[in-house]
Structures are given as structure tokens and as C-alpha cells.
């Protein structure tokens, strides 16, 4: 029987990345309280959040494989999640300006009889930004559904001087590693037999 991927996320970026690599999926969003994860270490936080989300999606059929993920931005040991307002977004972008920060994504893949959890890290360096650039960017509303208040795949791309690591990890899912790991669960891009 063919395996069925269940994405435990409503993230449009994660959905787009799975479509990009031709992996069919259904969405089953977990109903979780992320605030119960109190750790402040970014590696541990994304790992635990991915596990929390993945374990809150029930496997309804033996052919189902659950994929869950979480992404945070970390700067000087401080976690930057999604900003709640313009002031928070501005402050995050201002902190990241002219500096190097890290993006961590935790991923959990699980079936009825197997579970795999891993964390991917990418370093991102921003150009120094002017006050006008930062104010304008915050006014676009682009920062508000993204960890660290920017999207490397959208307007925020103009701030990025260089990256070290997986670009797609910064988007929200280290897709090449995910595809590799999904093969172990019997899920492959639909053009691979």
C-alpha cells in the first residue's frame, strides 16, 4: 500500500516546498500550545516544537507518515520568533542589520513504527541597513508571519549579504534533507518509482 504524507503545518512556505519537489501531501494542522516549550536554546526549542506538533497529529492509517517542523531565528543567543507588532519587527530587523544570525529548523517525521527527528542550522549575514530601509520594510507587512521578521524568499531577500548552509532551511524547511529522510519512510517524489 502506498504511503501518504501528512503535513502537520499550515505554513504556505512548507507547502510550496513540498510541491516544488513533487511530493503529494495532505494537511492536518496540530492544535498545540507552543508556549509550553520553555527552553531558550534554539536547537532544543525547534526540536521540541517539531516533536510537540508531530505528536499532536494522530496517525489514522498505517500508511500515513507525519511531517512536522518549526523554525526560529537566533541572534546572540536570543530567539526571534514571529513579531507581534511593527515595533517588534523593526527591533528585530535593526538587531540583525550588519550582523550574522542563525536560523534553526527542527523536523520530525514519524510513522506507526518509526520516528526521525533532526535540526538544521544555517548562518545568515545581513547588510547594514538604514533606518529608512527598515521603516519601509516594516510598513510592507512582510515581516509579520515570519520568524525573525523577514522572509529570505520575499522582500527580505534584499537584506541578505550571504548565507552559510541550506537556503531552504531559512525559508522554513530544509527540503533536500527532508526528501532524503522521507525515502526511509517510503515516500518519494511522484516522478521517482
N, C-alpha and C. Protein backbone atom coordinates (compact mmCIF):
# COMPACT_ATOMS: atom_id res chain seq x y z
N UNK A 1 0.85 -1.19 0.00
CA UNK A 1 0.00 0.00 0.00
C UNK A 1 0.88 1.24 0.00
N UNK A 2 0.48 2.23 -0.78
CA UNK A 2 1.27 3.46 -0.92
C UNK A 2 1.21 4.31 0.35
N UNK A 3 2.36 4.86 0.72
CA UNK A 3 2.45 5.73 1.90
C UNK A 3 1.86 7.10 1.57
N UNK A 4 1.26 7.72 2.58
CA UNK A 4 0.63 9.03 2.42
C UNK A 4 1.26 10.02 3.39
N UNK A 5 1.79 11.13 2.86
CA UNK A 5 2.40 12.15 3.71
C UNK A 5 1.33 13.08 4.26
N UNK A 6 1.40 13.32 5.58
CA UNK A 6 0.53 14.28 6.25
C UNK A 6 1.42 15.40 6.77
N UNK A 7 1.21 16.61 6.28
CA UNK A 7 1.97 17.77 6.74
C UNK A 7 1.26 18.37 7.94
N UNK A 8 1.94 18.35 9.08
CA UNK A 8 1.38 18.90 10.32
C UNK A 8 1.75 20.38 10.42
N UNK A 9 1.25 21.15 9.45
CA UNK A 9 1.58 22.58 9.38
C UNK A 9 0.66 23.26 8.39
N UNK A 10 0.34 24.53 8.66
CA UNK A 10 -0.42 25.31 7.70
C UNK A 10 0.48 26.33 7.00
N UNK A 11 1.79 26.20 7.19
CA UNK A 11 2.74 27.14 6.59
C UNK A 11 2.69 27.09 5.06
N UNK A 12 2.38 28.22 4.42
CA UNK A 12 2.36 28.22 2.95
C UNK A 12 3.73 27.94 2.35
N UNK A 13 4.81 28.33 3.06
CA UNK A 13 6.15 28.09 2.54
C UNK A 13 6.50 26.61 2.56
N UNK A 14 6.13 25.91 3.62
CA UNK A 14 6.40 24.46 3.67
C UNK A 14 5.58 23.73 2.61
N UNK A 15 4.35 24.16 2.43
CA UNK A 15 3.51 23.54 1.40
C UNK A 15 4.13 23.74 0.02
N UNK A 16 4.59 24.95 -0.25
CA UNK A 16 5.19 25.26 -1.55
C UNK A 16 6.45 24.43 -1.80
N UNK A 17 7.27 24.25 -0.76
CA UNK A 17 8.50 23.46 -0.93
C UNK A 17 8.19 22.00 -1.24
N UNK A 18 7.17 21.43 -0.61
CA UNK A 18 6.80 20.05 -0.93
C UNK A 18 6.27 19.94 -2.35
N UNK A 19 5.49 20.94 -2.79
CA UNK A 19 5.00 20.95 -4.18
C UNK A 19 6.18 21.06 -5.15
N UNK A 20 7.16 21.88 -4.78
CA UNK A 20 8.33 22.10 -5.64
C UNK A 20 9.08 20.81 -5.94
N UNK A 21 9.09 19.88 -4.97
CA UNK A 21 9.83 18.61 -5.17
C UNK A 21 8.88 17.46 -5.49
N UNK A 22 7.64 17.80 -5.86
CA UNK A 22 6.66 16.81 -6.34
C UNK A 22 6.33 15.73 -5.32
N UNK A 23 6.17 16.13 -4.06
CA UNK A 23 5.73 15.18 -3.04
C UNK A 23 4.30 15.55 -2.66
N UNK A 24 3.35 14.66 -2.98
CA UNK A 24 1.96 14.93 -2.62
C UNK A 24 1.77 14.81 -1.10
N UNK A 25 0.84 15.60 -0.56
CA UNK A 25 0.61 15.60 0.88
C UNK A 25 -0.80 16.07 1.18
N UNK A 26 -1.25 15.77 2.37
CA UNK A 26 -2.47 16.34 2.92
C UNK A 26 -2.06 17.14 4.14
N UNK A 27 -2.91 18.08 4.54
CA UNK A 27 -2.61 18.91 5.70
C UNK A 27 -3.50 18.49 6.87
N UNK A 28 -2.87 18.34 8.01
CA UNK A 28 -3.60 18.09 9.25
C UNK A 28 -2.91 18.94 10.32
N UNK A 29 -3.46 20.11 10.54
CA UNK A 29 -2.80 21.07 11.44
C UNK A 29 -2.94 20.67 12.90
N UNK A 30 -1.82 20.64 13.64
CA UNK A 30 -1.91 20.29 15.06
C UNK A 30 -2.46 21.46 15.87
N UNK A 31 -3.22 21.13 16.89
CA UNK A 31 -3.73 22.15 17.80
C UNK A 31 -2.89 22.07 19.08
N UNK A 32 -1.84 22.90 19.12
CA UNK A 32 -0.90 22.83 20.24
C UNK A 32 -0.67 24.21 20.83
N UNK A 33 -0.29 24.22 22.09
CA UNK A 33 0.11 25.44 22.78
C UNK A 33 1.64 25.48 22.78
N UNK A 34 2.22 26.24 21.86
CA UNK A 34 3.68 26.28 21.72
C UNK A 34 4.36 26.90 22.94
N UNK A 35 3.62 27.68 23.71
CA UNK A 35 4.23 28.34 24.87
C UNK A 35 4.63 27.34 25.96
N UNK A 36 4.16 26.09 25.87
CA UNK A 36 4.55 25.11 26.89
C UNK A 36 6.00 24.67 26.73
N UNK A 37 6.61 24.96 25.57
CA UNK A 37 8.03 24.66 25.38
C UNK A 37 8.80 25.88 25.90
N UNK A 38 9.45 25.72 27.04
CA UNK A 38 10.09 26.84 27.74
C UNK A 38 11.58 27.00 27.45
N UNK A 39 12.21 25.99 26.84
CA UNK A 39 13.66 26.07 26.65
C UNK A 39 14.04 27.26 25.78
N UNK A 40 15.19 27.85 26.05
CA UNK A 40 15.64 29.02 25.30
C UNK A 40 16.80 28.71 24.35
N UNK A 41 17.31 27.48 24.40
CA UNK A 41 18.34 27.08 23.45
C UNK A 41 17.64 26.85 22.10
N UNK A 42 18.04 27.56 21.03
CA UNK A 42 17.30 27.47 19.77
C UNK A 42 17.30 26.06 19.16
N UNK A 43 18.40 25.34 19.28
CA UNK A 43 18.48 23.97 18.76
C UNK A 43 17.44 23.09 19.46
N UNK A 44 17.42 23.16 20.79
CA UNK A 44 16.47 22.34 21.56
C UNK A 44 15.04 22.80 21.36
N UNK A 45 14.85 24.12 21.24
CA UNK A 45 13.49 24.66 21.10
C UNK A 45 12.82 24.16 19.82
N UNK A 46 13.52 24.27 18.68
CA UNK A 46 12.88 23.83 17.42
C UNK A 46 12.69 22.32 17.40
N UNK A 47 13.62 21.60 18.02
CA UNK A 47 13.49 20.14 18.10
C UNK A 47 12.24 19.77 18.90
N UNK A 48 12.08 20.39 20.07
CA UNK A 48 10.94 20.08 20.92
C UNK A 48 9.61 20.55 20.31
N UNK A 49 9.64 21.69 19.62
CA UNK A 49 8.41 22.19 18.98
C UNK A 49 7.99 21.28 17.82
N UNK A 50 8.96 20.81 17.04
CA UNK A 50 8.64 19.89 15.94
C UNK A 50 8.04 18.59 16.51
N UNK A 51 8.61 18.11 17.61
CA UNK A 51 8.08 16.90 18.24
C UNK A 51 6.68 17.13 18.81
N UNK A 52 6.48 18.28 19.46
CA UNK A 52 5.18 18.61 20.01
C UNK A 52 4.11 18.61 18.91
N UNK A 53 4.41 19.29 17.81
CA UNK A 53 3.47 19.36 16.69
C UNK A 53 3.22 17.98 16.09
N UNK A 54 4.31 17.25 15.85
CA UNK A 54 4.20 15.94 15.20
C UNK A 54 3.45 14.92 16.03
N UNK A 55 3.58 14.99 17.33
CA UNK A 55 2.91 14.02 18.21
C UNK A 55 1.44 14.38 18.46
N UNK A 56 1.05 15.62 18.11
CA UNK A 56 -0.34 16.03 18.28
C UNK A 56 -1.17 15.82 17.02
N UNK A 57 -0.59 15.17 16.03
CA UNK A 57 -1.35 14.79 14.84
C UNK A 57 -1.46 13.27 14.86
N UNK A 58 -2.69 12.81 14.96
CA UNK A 58 -2.93 11.37 15.07
C UNK A 58 -2.69 10.67 13.74
N UNK A 59 -2.06 9.50 13.82
CA UNK A 59 -1.91 8.64 12.64
C UNK A 59 -3.19 7.83 12.54
N UNK A 60 -3.96 8.06 11.48
CA UNK A 60 -5.28 7.43 11.33
C UNK A 60 -5.22 6.14 10.54
N UNK A 61 -4.11 5.92 9.86
CA UNK A 61 -3.97 4.76 8.98
C UNK A 61 -2.52 4.33 8.99
N UNK A 62 -2.26 3.04 8.88
CA UNK A 62 -0.88 2.54 8.95
C UNK A 62 0.00 3.04 7.80
N UNK A 63 -0.60 3.60 6.76
CA UNK A 63 0.17 4.11 5.62
C UNK A 63 0.55 5.59 5.78
N UNK A 64 0.07 6.23 6.84
CA UNK A 64 0.33 7.66 7.00
C UNK A 64 1.70 7.92 7.62
N UNK A 65 2.34 8.98 7.11
CA UNK A 65 3.61 9.46 7.65
C UNK A 65 3.41 10.94 7.96
N UNK A 66 3.71 11.32 9.21
CA UNK A 66 3.52 12.71 9.66
C UNK A 66 4.83 13.48 9.52
N UNK A 67 4.76 14.68 8.95
CA UNK A 67 5.90 15.59 8.85
C UNK A 67 5.55 16.87 9.59
N UNK A 68 6.35 17.20 10.60
CA UNK A 68 6.15 18.46 11.33
C UNK A 68 7.47 19.21 11.39
N UNK A 69 7.39 20.52 11.55
CA UNK A 69 8.61 21.33 11.59
C UNK A 69 8.37 22.63 12.34
N UNK A 70 9.46 23.23 12.78
CA UNK A 70 9.40 24.55 13.38
C UNK A 70 10.71 25.26 13.07
N UNK A 71 10.64 26.57 12.87
CA UNK A 71 11.82 27.36 12.52
C UNK A 71 11.91 28.59 13.41
N UNK A 72 13.11 28.86 13.91
CA UNK A 72 13.35 30.10 14.65
C UNK A 72 14.63 30.76 14.16
N UNK A 73 14.70 32.06 14.40
CA UNK A 73 15.91 32.84 14.14
C UNK A 73 16.55 33.09 15.50
N UNK A 74 17.87 32.96 15.55
CA UNK A 74 18.60 33.19 16.80
C UNK A 74 19.71 34.21 16.56
N UNK A 75 19.74 35.23 17.42
CA UNK A 75 20.78 36.25 17.33
C UNK A 75 21.35 36.48 18.73
N UNK A 76 22.64 36.25 18.87
CA UNK A 76 23.33 36.41 20.15
C UNK A 76 22.59 35.68 21.28
N UNK A 77 22.26 34.43 21.00
CA UNK A 77 21.58 33.53 21.95
C UNK A 77 20.16 33.97 22.32
N UNK A 78 19.59 34.87 21.56
CA UNK A 78 18.21 35.28 21.78
C UNK A 78 17.36 34.77 20.61
N UNK A 79 16.23 34.14 20.93
CA UNK A 79 15.36 33.60 19.89
C UNK A 79 14.42 34.68 19.39
N UNK A 80 14.38 34.84 18.06
CA UNK A 80 13.45 35.75 17.41
C UNK A 80 12.38 34.91 16.73
N UNK A 81 11.17 34.95 17.26
CA UNK A 81 10.07 34.24 16.63
C UNK A 81 9.32 35.22 15.74
N UNK A 82 8.05 34.99 15.48
CA UNK A 82 7.28 35.91 14.64
C UNK A 82 6.96 37.17 15.45
N UNK A 83 7.18 38.35 14.87
CA UNK A 83 6.88 39.58 15.62
C UNK A 83 5.37 39.77 15.80
N UNK A 84 5.00 40.37 16.92
CA UNK A 84 3.59 40.61 17.22
C UNK A 84 3.10 41.97 16.73
N UNK A 85 4.04 42.89 16.45
CA UNK A 85 3.63 44.23 16.01
C UNK A 85 4.80 44.88 15.26
N UNK A 86 4.56 46.08 14.74
CA UNK A 86 5.57 46.79 13.94
C UNK A 86 6.82 47.11 14.74
N UNK A 87 6.64 47.49 15.99
CA UNK A 87 7.80 47.84 16.82
C UNK A 87 8.71 46.62 17.03
N UNK A 88 8.11 45.47 17.32
CA UNK A 88 8.91 44.25 17.47
C UNK A 88 9.62 43.90 16.17
N UNK A 89 8.91 44.02 15.05
CA UNK A 89 9.50 43.70 13.75
C UNK A 89 10.68 44.63 13.46
N UNK A 90 10.48 45.92 13.71
CA UNK A 90 11.56 46.89 13.49
C UNK A 90 12.77 46.56 14.36
N UNK A 91 12.53 46.28 15.63
CA UNK A 91 13.64 45.98 16.55
C UNK A 91 14.41 44.73 16.13
N UNK A 92 13.70 43.72 15.66
CA UNK A 92 14.37 42.50 15.19
C UNK A 92 15.25 42.81 13.99
N UNK A 93 14.69 43.49 12.99
CA UNK A 93 15.46 43.80 11.78
C UNK A 93 16.64 44.69 12.13
N UNK A 94 16.43 45.63 13.04
CA UNK A 94 17.52 46.52 13.47
C UNK A 94 18.65 45.73 14.12
N UNK A 95 18.29 44.76 14.96
CA UNK A 95 19.31 43.91 15.59
C UNK A 95 20.08 43.09 14.55
N UNK A 96 19.39 42.59 13.55
CA UNK A 96 20.02 41.72 12.54
C UNK A 96 20.86 42.52 11.54
N UNK A 97 20.60 43.81 11.42
CA UNK A 97 21.30 44.67 10.46
C UNK A 97 22.82 44.62 10.67
N UNK A 98 23.55 44.32 9.59
CA UNK A 98 25.01 44.32 9.63
C UNK A 98 25.62 43.19 10.44
N UNK A 99 24.82 42.17 10.77
CA UNK A 99 25.29 41.10 11.65
C UNK A 99 25.02 39.72 11.05
N UNK A 100 25.57 38.71 11.72
CA UNK A 100 25.32 37.32 11.37
C UNK A 100 24.38 36.72 12.41
N UNK A 101 23.35 36.02 11.93
CA UNK A 101 22.45 35.30 12.84
C UNK A 101 22.28 33.87 12.34
N UNK A 102 21.63 33.05 13.15
CA UNK A 102 21.43 31.65 12.79
C UNK A 102 19.93 31.39 12.64
N UNK A 103 19.62 30.50 11.70
CA UNK A 103 18.25 30.02 11.53
C UNK A 103 18.26 28.52 11.78
N UNK A 104 17.41 28.09 12.70
CA UNK A 104 17.29 26.67 13.06
C UNK A 104 15.92 26.15 12.65
N UNK A 105 15.90 25.00 12.01
CA UNK A 105 14.63 24.30 11.75
C UNK A 105 14.70 22.92 12.37
N UNK A 106 13.71 22.62 13.19
CA UNK A 106 13.56 21.27 13.72
C UNK A 106 12.54 20.54 12.87
N UNK A 107 12.81 19.28 12.56
CA UNK A 107 11.93 18.47 11.73
C UNK A 107 11.69 17.13 12.40
N UNK A 108 10.43 16.71 12.39
CA UNK A 108 10.09 15.37 12.89
C UNK A 108 9.30 14.65 11.81
N UNK A 109 9.71 13.42 11.53
CA UNK A 109 8.98 12.54 10.60
C UNK A 109 8.65 11.29 11.39
N UNK A 110 7.37 10.89 11.36
CA UNK A 110 7.01 9.69 12.12
C UNK A 110 5.91 8.89 11.43
N UNK A 111 6.04 7.59 11.61
CA UNK A 111 5.01 6.64 11.17
C UNK A 111 4.61 5.84 12.40
N UNK A 112 3.81 4.81 12.21
CA UNK A 112 3.39 3.99 13.36
C UNK A 112 4.56 3.29 14.03
N UNK A 113 5.59 2.97 13.25
CA UNK A 113 6.68 2.17 13.83
C UNK A 113 8.06 2.81 13.79
N UNK A 114 8.13 4.07 13.35
CA UNK A 114 9.45 4.71 13.24
C UNK A 114 9.31 6.21 13.44
N UNK A 115 10.36 6.83 13.99
CA UNK A 115 10.37 8.27 14.22
C UNK A 115 11.78 8.80 13.96
N UNK A 116 11.86 9.94 13.28
CA UNK A 116 13.15 10.56 12.99
C UNK A 116 13.03 12.05 13.31
N UNK A 117 13.98 12.57 14.07
CA UNK A 117 13.99 14.00 14.42
C UNK A 117 15.38 14.55 14.13
N UNK A 118 15.44 15.70 13.46
CA UNK A 118 16.73 16.34 13.22
C UNK A 118 16.58 17.85 13.21
N UNK A 119 17.71 18.54 13.38
CA UNK A 119 17.73 20.00 13.38
C UNK A 119 18.76 20.46 12.36
N UNK A 120 18.39 21.42 11.55
CA UNK A 120 19.29 22.01 10.55
C UNK A 120 19.58 23.46 10.94
N UNK A 121 20.84 23.89 10.76
CA UNK A 121 21.23 25.26 11.10
C UNK A 121 21.85 25.94 9.88
N UNK A 122 21.46 27.18 9.64
CA UNK A 122 22.02 27.99 8.56
C UNK A 122 22.42 29.35 9.13
N UNK A 123 23.60 29.82 8.77
CA UNK A 123 24.03 31.17 9.17
C UNK A 123 23.66 32.16 8.08
N UNK A 124 23.13 33.31 8.49
CA UNK A 124 22.71 34.35 7.56
C UNK A 124 23.37 35.67 7.97
N UNK A 125 23.97 36.35 7.01
CA UNK A 125 24.55 37.67 7.27
C UNK A 125 23.75 38.73 6.54
N UNK A 126 23.36 39.78 7.27
CA UNK A 126 22.63 40.91 6.70
C UNK A 126 23.60 42.04 6.36
N UNK A 127 23.28 42.77 5.30
CA UNK A 127 23.97 44.04 5.03
C UNK A 127 23.59 45.02 6.13
N UNK A 128 24.43 46.04 6.38
CA UNK A 128 23.99 47.12 7.26
C UNK A 128 22.80 47.84 6.61
N UNK A 129 21.75 48.10 7.38
CA UNK A 129 20.53 48.69 6.84
C UNK A 129 20.33 50.10 7.39
N UNK A 130 19.74 50.95 6.56
CA UNK A 130 19.44 52.31 7.03
C UNK A 130 18.10 52.30 7.77
N UNK A 131 17.88 53.33 8.56
CA UNK A 131 16.62 53.50 9.27
C UNK A 131 15.46 53.54 8.28
N UNK A 132 15.66 54.22 7.15
CA UNK A 132 14.59 54.34 6.14
C UNK A 132 14.25 52.97 5.55
N UNK A 133 15.27 52.17 5.26
CA UNK A 133 15.03 50.83 4.70
C UNK A 133 14.23 49.98 5.68
N UNK A 134 14.61 50.04 6.96
CA UNK A 134 13.93 49.21 7.96
C UNK A 134 12.49 49.67 8.17
N UNK A 135 12.27 50.99 8.24
CA UNK A 135 10.92 51.51 8.41
C UNK A 135 10.04 51.14 7.22
N UNK A 136 10.60 51.29 6.02
CA UNK A 136 9.84 50.93 4.82
C UNK A 136 9.48 49.44 4.83
N UNK A 137 10.46 48.60 5.17
CA UNK A 137 10.22 47.16 5.15
C UNK A 137 9.10 46.78 6.13
N UNK A 138 9.15 47.32 7.33
CA UNK A 138 8.12 47.01 8.33
C UNK A 138 6.74 47.47 7.83
N UNK A 139 6.70 48.57 7.07
CA UNK A 139 5.42 49.08 6.55
C UNK A 139 4.81 48.17 5.48
N UNK A 140 5.61 47.24 4.92
CA UNK A 140 5.09 46.36 3.86
C UNK A 140 4.25 45.21 4.42
N UNK A 141 4.30 44.99 5.71
CA UNK A 141 3.64 43.87 6.38
C UNK A 141 4.27 42.52 6.07
N UNK A 142 5.35 42.48 5.31
CA UNK A 142 6.04 41.22 5.00
C UNK A 142 6.57 40.52 6.25
N UNK A 143 6.99 41.25 7.31
CA UNK A 143 7.62 40.57 8.44
C UNK A 143 6.70 39.74 9.33
N UNK A 144 5.39 39.91 9.23
CA UNK A 144 4.53 39.51 10.34
C UNK A 144 4.18 38.03 10.46
N UNK A 145 4.46 37.22 9.49
CA UNK A 145 4.20 35.78 9.69
C UNK A 145 5.49 34.99 9.55
N UNK A 146 6.62 35.65 9.85
CA UNK A 146 7.92 35.03 9.65
C UNK A 146 8.81 35.16 10.88
N UNK A 147 9.44 34.05 11.24
CA UNK A 147 10.41 34.08 12.34
C UNK A 147 11.51 35.07 12.01
N UNK A 148 11.90 35.89 12.99
CA UNK A 148 12.95 36.87 12.76
C UNK A 148 12.51 38.08 11.98
N UNK A 149 11.23 38.16 11.65
CA UNK A 149 10.61 39.32 10.98
C UNK A 149 11.06 39.52 9.53
N UNK A 150 11.56 38.46 8.88
CA UNK A 150 11.88 38.61 7.46
C UNK A 150 11.71 37.29 6.74
N UNK A 151 11.49 37.38 5.44
CA UNK A 151 11.45 36.19 4.59
C UNK A 151 12.54 36.29 3.55
N UNK A 152 13.44 35.31 3.54
CA UNK A 152 14.53 35.31 2.57
C UNK A 152 14.00 35.11 1.15
N UNK A 153 12.80 34.53 1.05
CA UNK A 153 12.20 34.24 -0.25
C UNK A 153 11.32 35.39 -0.74
N UNK A 154 11.22 36.46 0.05
CA UNK A 154 10.37 37.58 -0.34
C UNK A 154 11.16 38.88 -0.26
N UNK A 155 10.52 39.96 0.16
CA UNK A 155 11.17 41.27 0.16
C UNK A 155 12.45 41.27 1.00
N UNK A 156 12.44 40.52 2.09
CA UNK A 156 13.61 40.45 2.98
C UNK A 156 14.87 39.95 2.31
N UNK A 157 14.74 39.38 1.12
CA UNK A 157 15.92 38.87 0.39
C UNK A 157 16.94 39.97 0.12
N UNK A 158 16.48 41.21 0.01
CA UNK A 158 17.42 42.30 -0.31
C UNK A 158 18.34 42.65 0.85
N UNK A 159 18.05 42.15 2.05
CA UNK A 159 18.90 42.41 3.21
C UNK A 159 20.04 41.41 3.34
N UNK A 160 19.95 40.28 2.65
CA UNK A 160 20.86 39.15 2.87
C UNK A 160 22.14 39.32 2.07
N UNK A 161 23.24 39.48 2.78
CA UNK A 161 24.55 39.59 2.14
C UNK A 161 25.06 38.22 1.72
N UNK A 162 24.96 37.24 2.63
CA UNK A 162 25.38 35.87 2.30
C UNK A 162 24.79 34.89 3.31
N UNK A 163 24.78 33.62 2.90
CA UNK A 163 24.36 32.58 3.83
C UNK A 163 25.39 31.46 3.82
N UNK A 164 25.42 30.72 4.91
CA UNK A 164 26.27 29.54 5.01
C UNK A 164 25.37 28.40 5.46
N UNK A 165 25.07 27.49 4.54
CA UNK A 165 24.18 26.39 4.85
C UNK A 165 23.04 26.31 3.85
N UNK A 166 21.96 25.66 4.25
CA UNK A 166 20.83 25.38 3.38
C UNK A 166 19.90 26.59 3.28
N UNK A 167 19.76 27.14 2.07
CA UNK A 167 18.87 28.26 1.82
C UNK A 167 17.43 27.93 2.22
N UNK A 168 16.97 26.74 1.83
CA UNK A 168 15.58 26.37 2.08
C UNK A 168 15.28 26.20 3.57
N UNK A 169 16.31 25.95 4.36
CA UNK A 169 16.15 25.92 5.80
C UNK A 169 15.69 27.29 6.30
N UNK A 170 16.22 28.35 5.71
CA UNK A 170 15.84 29.71 6.09
C UNK A 170 14.40 30.00 5.65
N UNK A 171 13.99 29.42 4.53
CA UNK A 171 12.60 29.56 4.07
C UNK A 171 11.65 28.88 5.06
N UNK A 172 12.09 27.78 5.68
CA UNK A 172 11.25 27.13 6.68
C UNK A 172 11.26 25.62 6.68
N UNK A 173 12.00 25.01 5.73
CA UNK A 173 12.09 23.55 5.69
C UNK A 173 13.33 23.15 4.89
N UNK A 174 14.27 22.44 5.51
CA UNK A 174 15.47 22.00 4.77
C UNK A 174 15.09 20.87 3.82
N UNK A 175 14.54 21.24 2.68
CA UNK A 175 13.80 20.31 1.82
C UNK A 175 14.64 19.16 1.28
N UNK A 176 15.90 19.40 0.95
CA UNK A 176 16.70 18.29 0.40
C UNK A 176 16.91 17.20 1.45
N UNK A 177 17.17 17.60 2.71
CA UNK A 177 17.33 16.61 3.77
C UNK A 177 16.00 15.94 4.08
N UNK A 178 14.91 16.70 4.04
CA UNK A 178 13.58 16.13 4.27
C UNK A 178 13.28 15.06 3.23
N UNK A 179 13.54 15.35 1.95
CA UNK A 179 13.29 14.37 0.88
C UNK A 179 14.11 13.11 1.12
N UNK A 180 15.38 13.29 1.47
CA UNK A 180 16.26 12.14 1.75
C UNK A 180 15.70 11.29 2.88
N UNK A 181 15.26 11.93 3.97
CA UNK A 181 14.73 11.21 5.12
C UNK A 181 13.37 10.57 4.82
N UNK A 182 12.54 11.25 4.03
CA UNK A 182 11.22 10.69 3.70
C UNK A 182 11.34 9.38 2.92
N UNK A 183 12.41 9.24 2.13
CA UNK A 183 12.61 7.99 1.37
C UNK A 183 12.70 6.80 2.32
N UNK A 184 13.27 7.02 3.53
CA UNK A 184 13.38 5.95 4.52
C UNK A 184 12.00 5.52 5.02
N UNK A 185 11.01 6.40 4.85
CA UNK A 185 9.64 6.10 5.27
C UNK A 185 8.76 5.64 4.10
N UNK A 186 9.39 5.48 2.94
CA UNK A 186 8.65 5.01 1.76
C UNK A 186 7.94 6.11 0.99
N UNK A 187 8.33 7.35 1.22
CA UNK A 187 7.73 8.47 0.49
C UNK A 187 8.77 9.10 -0.40
N UNK A 188 8.45 9.19 -1.70
CA UNK A 188 9.39 9.72 -2.68
C UNK A 188 8.66 10.73 -3.56
N UNK A 189 9.42 11.62 -4.22
CA UNK A 189 8.78 12.49 -5.21
C UNK A 189 8.02 11.64 -6.23
N UNK A 190 6.87 12.13 -6.72
CA UNK A 190 6.00 11.28 -7.53
C UNK A 190 6.59 10.87 -8.87
N UNK A 191 7.70 11.48 -9.30
CA UNK A 191 8.31 11.06 -10.56
C UNK A 191 9.38 9.98 -10.35
N UNK A 192 9.66 9.61 -9.07
CA UNK A 192 10.64 8.55 -8.79
C UNK A 192 9.86 7.28 -8.45
N UNK A 193 10.19 6.19 -9.16
CA UNK A 193 9.46 4.94 -8.91
C UNK A 193 10.09 4.14 -7.79
